[in-house]
């Protein structure tokens, strides 16, 4: 076989491999249905440290989306820890009381960092009475992560989008 014959054969082999690889990847992508929940229990701790209405709405929506995932129904425990300016999620008359009560009724742990209350001079009485207070938000996250919980920190939405 000539040099040109070898080159044509090599190019044909590469093209065939590329086509097979592409069709295989397409089949795999279309067959993919997401990760499977193989454990009996999952934990997720959400941190909110921004007090904007957008950040609060996004975080609470993310929690609801996780709770509604059919793969995790009855298998996930969720905690929302507020620290820094995130305390606004728990301030009375902020418009989120009903949603927070619903989440808590569905098993979501609602926790506030005591350090934030002290450092920002926030009176505990200004928060909804059904909110738990933990010694430190960072301690709560550390403990939950050491227990295997996923750490989720939604970023505030970009108003320009």
C-alpha atoms as a PDB file:
ATOM      1  CA  UNK A   1       0.000   0.000   0.000  1.00  0.00           C
ATOM      2  CA  UNK A   2       1.235   3.492  -0.781  1.00  0.00           C
ATOM      3  CA  UNK A   3       1.778   6.322   1.670  1.00  0.00           C
ATOM      4  CA  UNK A   4      -1.389   7.973   0.411  1.00  0.00           C
ATOM      5  CA  UNK A   5      -3.302   4.722   0.896  1.00  0.00           C
ATOM      6  CA  UNK A   6      -2.116   4.493   4.526  1.00  0.00           C
ATOM      7  CA  UNK A   7      -3.086   8.135   5.144  1.00  0.00           C
ATOM      8  CA  UNK A   8      -6.556   7.642   3.644  1.00  0.00           C
ATOM      9  CA  UNK A   9      -7.007   4.493   5.728  1.00  0.00           C
ATOM     10  CA  UNK A  10      -5.882   6.304   8.871  1.00  0.00           C
ATOM     11  CA  UNK A  11      -8.201   9.234   8.194  1.00  0.00           C
ATOM     12  CA  UNK A  12     -11.111   6.855   7.569  1.00  0.00           C
ATOM     13  CA  UNK A  13     -10.383   5.079  10.866  1.00  0.00           C
ATOM     14  CA  UNK A  14     -10.282   8.372  12.780  1.00  0.00           C
ATOM     15  CA  UNK A  15     -13.534   9.529  11.169  1.00  0.00           C
ATOM     16  CA  UNK A  16     -15.263   6.234  11.956  1.00  0.00           C
ATOM     17  CA  UNK A  17     -14.082   6.388  15.587  1.00  0.00           C
ATOM     18  CA  UNK A  18     -15.237   9.994  15.885  1.00  0.00           C
ATOM     19  CA  UNK A  19     -18.673   9.175  14.481  1.00  0.00           C
ATOM     20  CA  UNK A  20     -19.042   6.177  16.779  1.00  0.00           C
ATOM     21  CA  UNK A  21     -17.931   8.260  19.758  1.00  0.00           C
ATOM     22  CA  UNK A  22     -20.332  11.093  18.896  1.00  0.00           C
ATOM     23  CA  UNK A  23     -23.309   8.776  18.416  1.00  0.00           C
ATOM     24  CA  UNK A  24     -22.407   6.945  21.623  1.00  0.00           C
ATOM     25  CA  UNK A  25     -22.206  10.245  23.545  1.00  0.00           C
ATOM     26  CA  UNK A  26     -25.560  11.322  22.095  1.00  0.00           C
ATOM     27  CA  UNK A  27     -27.145   8.034  23.171  1.00  0.00           C
ATOM     28  CA  UNK A  28     -25.661   8.399  26.641  1.00  0.00           C
ATOM     29  CA  UNK A  29     -26.835  12.012  26.974  1.00  0.00           C
ATOM     30  CA  UNK A  30     -30.374  11.183  25.909  1.00  0.00           C
ATOM     31  CA  UNK A  31     -30.445   8.180  28.266  1.00  0.00           C
ATOM     32  CA  UNK A  32     -29.205  10.194  31.254  1.00  0.00           C
ATOM     33  CA  UNK A  33     -31.932  10.794  33.829  1.00  0.00           C
ATOM     34  CA  UNK A  34     -29.794  12.319  36.594  1.00  0.00           C
ATOM     35  CA  UNK A  35     -28.122  10.846  39.621  1.00  0.00           C
ATOM     36  CA  UNK A  36     -29.980   8.149  41.532  1.00  0.00           C
ATOM     37  CA  UNK A  37     -30.790   8.409  45.234  1.00  0.00           C
ATOM     38  CA  UNK A  38     -29.206   5.204  46.491  1.00  0.00           C
ATOM     39  CA  UNK A  39     -29.036   6.146  50.180  1.00  0.00           C
ATOM     40  CA  UNK A  40     -31.904   6.054  52.628  1.00  0.00           C
ATOM     41  CA  UNK A  41     -31.093   9.509  54.065  1.00  0.00           C
ATOM     42  CA  UNK A  42     -29.652  12.771  52.773  1.00  0.00           C
ATOM     43  CA  UNK A  43     -29.034  16.042  54.565  1.00  0.00           C
ATOM     44  CA  UNK A  44     -28.640  19.525  53.104  1.00  0.00           C
ATOM     45  CA  UNK A  45     -27.823  22.734  54.933  1.00  0.00           C
ATOM     46  CA  UNK A  46     -28.639  25.976  53.153  1.00  0.00           C
ATOM     47  CA  UNK A  47     -26.836  29.132  54.230  1.00  0.00           C
ATOM     48  CA  UNK A  48     -28.322  32.580  53.747  1.00  0.00           C
ATOM     49  CA  UNK A  49     -26.149  35.579  54.558  1.00  0.00           C
ATOM     50  CA  UNK A  50     -27.840  38.197  52.383  1.00  0.00           C
ATOM     51  CA  UNK A  51     -30.969  40.019  53.456  1.00  0.00           C
ATOM     52  CA  UNK A  52     -32.243  41.090  50.060  1.00  0.00           C
ATOM     53  CA  UNK A  53     -35.738  40.041  49.055  1.00  0.00           C
ATOM     54  CA  UNK A  54     -34.287  38.363  45.970  1.00  0.00           C
ATOM     55  CA  UNK A  55     -31.809  36.305  47.991  1.00  0.00           C
ATOM     56  CA  UNK A  56     -34.515  35.225  50.427  1.00  0.00           C
ATOM     57  CA  UNK A  57     -36.938  34.245  47.653  1.00  0.00           C
ATOM     58  CA  UNK A  58     -34.239  32.354  45.745  1.00  0.00           C
ATOM     59  CA  UNK A  59     -33.077  30.445  48.827  1.00  0.00           C
ATOM     60  CA  UNK A  60     -36.596  29.470  49.896  1.00  0.00           C
ATOM     61  CA  UNK A  61     -37.436  28.429  46.317  1.00  0.00           C
ATOM     62  CA  UNK A  62     -34.266  26.308  46.160  1.00  0.00           C
ATOM     63  CA  UNK A  63     -35.326  24.572  49.385  1.00  0.00           C
ATOM     64  CA  UNK A  64     -38.797  23.870  47.970  1.00  0.00           C
ATOM     65  CA  UNK A  65     -37.276  22.562  44.734  1.00  0.00           C
ATOM     66  CA  UNK A  66     -35.078  20.150  46.687  1.00  0.00           C
ATOM     67  CA  UNK A  67     -38.053  18.970  48.731  1.00  0.00           C
ATOM     68  CA  UNK A  68     -40.078  18.434  45.541  1.00  0.00           C
ATOM     69  CA  UNK A  69     -37.391  16.327  43.799  1.00  0.00           C
ATOM     70  CA  UNK A  70     -39.088  12.916  43.416  1.00  0.00           C
ATOM     71  CA  UNK A  71     -35.759  11.099  43.889  1.00  0.00           C
ATOM     72  CA  UNK A  72     -35.424  12.530  47.392  1.00  0.00           C
ATOM     73  CA  UNK A  73     -39.027  12.403  48.647  1.00  0.00           C
ATOM     74  CA  UNK A  74     -38.977  11.172  52.224  1.00  0.00           C
ATOM     75  CA  UNK A  75     -35.182  10.873  52.194  1.00  0.00           C
ATOM     76  CA  UNK A  76     -33.895  14.408  52.756  1.00  0.00           C
ATOM     77  CA  UNK A  77     -33.568  16.520  55.883  1.00  0.00           C
ATOM     78  CA  UNK A  78     -33.013  20.235  55.322  1.00  0.00           C
ATOM     79  CA  UNK A  79     -31.781  23.052  57.524  1.00  0.00           C
ATOM     80  CA  UNK A  80     -31.720  26.763  56.724  1.00  0.00           C
ATOM     81  CA  UNK A  81     -29.041  28.627  58.703  1.00  0.00           C
ATOM     82  CA  UNK A  82     -29.161  32.433  58.648  1.00  0.00           C
ATOM     83  CA  UNK A  83     -26.151  34.511  59.555  1.00  0.00           C
ATOM     84  CA  UNK A  84     -24.905  38.014  58.852  1.00  0.00           C
ATOM     85  CA  UNK A  85     -27.540  40.008  56.921  1.00  0.00           C
ATOM     86  CA  UNK A  86     -29.404  36.767  56.233  1.00  0.00           C
ATOM     87  CA  UNK A  87     -31.189  37.253  59.567  1.00  0.00           C
ATOM     88  CA  UNK A  88     -33.720  39.262  57.497  1.00  0.00           C
ATOM     89  CA  UNK A  89     -35.323  35.984  56.406  1.00  0.00           C
ATOM     90  CA  UNK A  90     -36.575  35.545  59.975  1.00  0.00           C
ATOM     91  CA  UNK A  91     -37.575  39.142  60.866  1.00  0.00           C
ATOM     92  CA  UNK A  92     -41.238  39.499  61.797  1.00  0.00           C
ATOM     93  CA  UNK A  93     -43.564  41.037  59.205  1.00  0.00           C
ATOM     94  CA  UNK A  94     -41.119  40.490  56.329  1.00  0.00           C
ATOM     95  CA  UNK A  95     -43.710  38.750  54.151  1.00  0.00           C
ATOM     96  CA  UNK A  96     -42.181  35.257  54.501  1.00  0.00           C
ATOM     97  CA  UNK A  97     -43.916  34.036  57.669  1.00  0.00           C
ATOM     98  CA  UNK A  98     -46.408  31.705  55.941  1.00  0.00           C
ATOM     99  CA  UNK A  99     -43.749  30.168  53.681  1.00  0.00           C
ATOM    100  CA  UNK A 100     -41.391  29.648  56.634  1.00  0.00           C
ATOM    101  CA  UNK A 101     -44.147  28.069  58.735  1.00  0.00           C
ATOM    102  CA  UNK A 102     -45.005  25.755  55.838  1.00  0.00           C
ATOM    103  CA  UNK A 103     -41.364  24.721  55.405  1.00  0.00           C
ATOM    104  CA  UNK A 104     -40.996  24.095  59.126  1.00  0.00           C
ATOM    105  CA  UNK A 105     -44.215  22.065  59.155  1.00  0.00           C
ATOM    106  CA  UNK A 106     -42.707  19.966  56.334  1.00  0.00           C
ATOM    107  CA  UNK A 107     -39.620  19.284  58.480  1.00  0.00           C
ATOM    108  CA  UNK A 108     -37.182  22.037  57.522  1.00  0.00           C
ATOM    109  CA  UNK A 109     -35.057  23.188  60.463  1.00  0.00           C
ATOM    110  CA  UNK A 110     -34.989  26.997  60.662  1.00  0.00           C
ATOM    111  CA  UNK A 111     -31.930  28.244  62.552  1.00  0.00           C
ATOM    112  CA  UNK A 112     -30.429  31.636  63.310  1.00  0.00           C
ATOM    113  CA  UNK A 113     -26.822  32.353  64.305  1.00  0.00           C
ATOM    114  CA  UNK A 114     -26.593  33.794  67.855  1.00  0.00           C
ATOM    115  CA  UNK A 115     -23.326  35.564  66.981  1.00  0.00           C
ATOM    116  CA  UNK A 116     -25.149  37.567  64.310  1.00  0.00           C
ATOM    117  CA  UNK A 117     -27.863  38.606  66.743  1.00  0.00           C
ATOM    118  CA  UNK A 118     -25.239  39.805  69.223  1.00  0.00           C
ATOM    119  CA  UNK A 119     -22.916  41.466  66.696  1.00  0.00           C
ATOM    120  CA  UNK A 120     -25.676  43.278  64.798  1.00  0.00           C
ATOM    121  CA  UNK A 121     -27.623  44.144  67.985  1.00  0.00           C
ATOM    122  CA  UNK A 122     -30.761  42.327  66.877  1.00  0.00           C
ATOM    123  CA  UNK A 123     -33.294  41.527  69.559  1.00  0.00           C
ATOM    124  CA  UNK A 124     -34.463  37.912  69.479  1.00  0.00           C
ATOM    125  CA  UNK A 125     -38.000  39.247  69.922  1.00  0.00           C
ATOM    126  CA  UNK A 126     -37.803  40.802  66.436  1.00  0.00           C
ATOM    127  CA  UNK A 127     -37.625  37.325  64.878  1.00  0.00           C
ATOM    128  CA  UNK A 128     -40.493  34.914  64.391  1.00  0.00           C
ATOM    129  CA  UNK A 129     -40.950  32.923  67.618  1.00  0.00           C
ATOM    130  CA  UNK A 130     -40.684  29.556  65.842  1.00  0.00           C
ATOM    131  CA  UNK A 131     -37.043  30.120  64.791  1.00  0.00           C
ATOM    132  CA  UNK A 132     -34.298  28.193  66.618  1.00  0.00           C
ATOM    133  CA  UNK A 133     -31.073  29.927  67.620  1.00  0.00           C
ATOM    134  CA  UNK A 134     -27.718  28.131  67.436  1.00  0.00           C
ATOM    135  CA  UNK A 135     -24.438  29.361  68.973  1.00  0.00           C
ATOM    136  CA  UNK A 136     -22.787  30.034  65.601  1.00  0.00           C
ATOM    137  CA  UNK A 137     -23.755  29.683  61.982  1.00  0.00           C
ATOM    138  CA  UNK A 138     -20.263  28.582  60.999  1.00  0.00           C
ATOM    139  CA  UNK A 139     -20.284  25.967  63.746  1.00  0.00           C
ATOM    140  CA  UNK A 140     -23.646  24.669  62.519  1.00  0.00           C
ATOM    141  CA  UNK A 141     -22.364  24.379  58.947  1.00  0.00           C
ATOM    142  CA  UNK A 142     -19.168  22.664  60.123  1.00  0.00           C
ATOM    143  CA  UNK A 143     -21.074  20.119  62.193  1.00  0.00           C
ATOM    144  CA  UNK A 144     -23.574  19.366  59.433  1.00  0.00           C
ATOM    145  CA  UNK A 145     -20.856  18.949  56.814  1.00  0.00           C
ATOM    146  CA  UNK A 146     -18.961  16.592  59.131  1.00  0.00           C
ATOM    147  CA  UNK A 147     -22.180  14.552  59.341  1.00  0.00           C
ATOM    148  CA  UNK A 148     -22.162  14.230  55.538  1.00  0.00           C
ATOM    149  CA  UNK A 149     -24.709  16.947  54.765  1.00  0.00           C
ATOM    150  CA  UNK A 150     -24.480  18.864  51.495  1.00  0.00           C
ATOM    151  CA  UNK A 151     -23.680  22.561  51.879  1.00  0.00           C
ATOM    152  CA  UNK A 152     -25.720  24.847  49.635  1.00  0.00           C
ATOM    153  CA  UNK A 153     -25.234  28.606  49.462  1.00  0.00           C
ATOM    154  CA  UNK A 154     -27.476  30.155  46.809  1.00  0.00           C
ATOM    155  CA  UNK A 155     -26.093  33.427  45.529  1.00  0.00           C
ATOM    156  CA  UNK A 156     -28.356  36.447  45.416  1.00  0.00           C
ATOM    157  CA  UNK A 157     -29.922  36.836  41.980  1.00  0.00           C
ATOM    158  CA  UNK A 158     -28.238  39.260  39.610  1.00  0.00           C
ATOM    159  CA  UNK A 159     -30.711  42.098  39.048  1.00  0.00           C
ATOM    160  CA  UNK A 160     -29.259  42.624  35.559  1.00  0.00           C
ATOM    161  CA  UNK A 161     -30.350  39.204  34.322  1.00  0.00           C
END
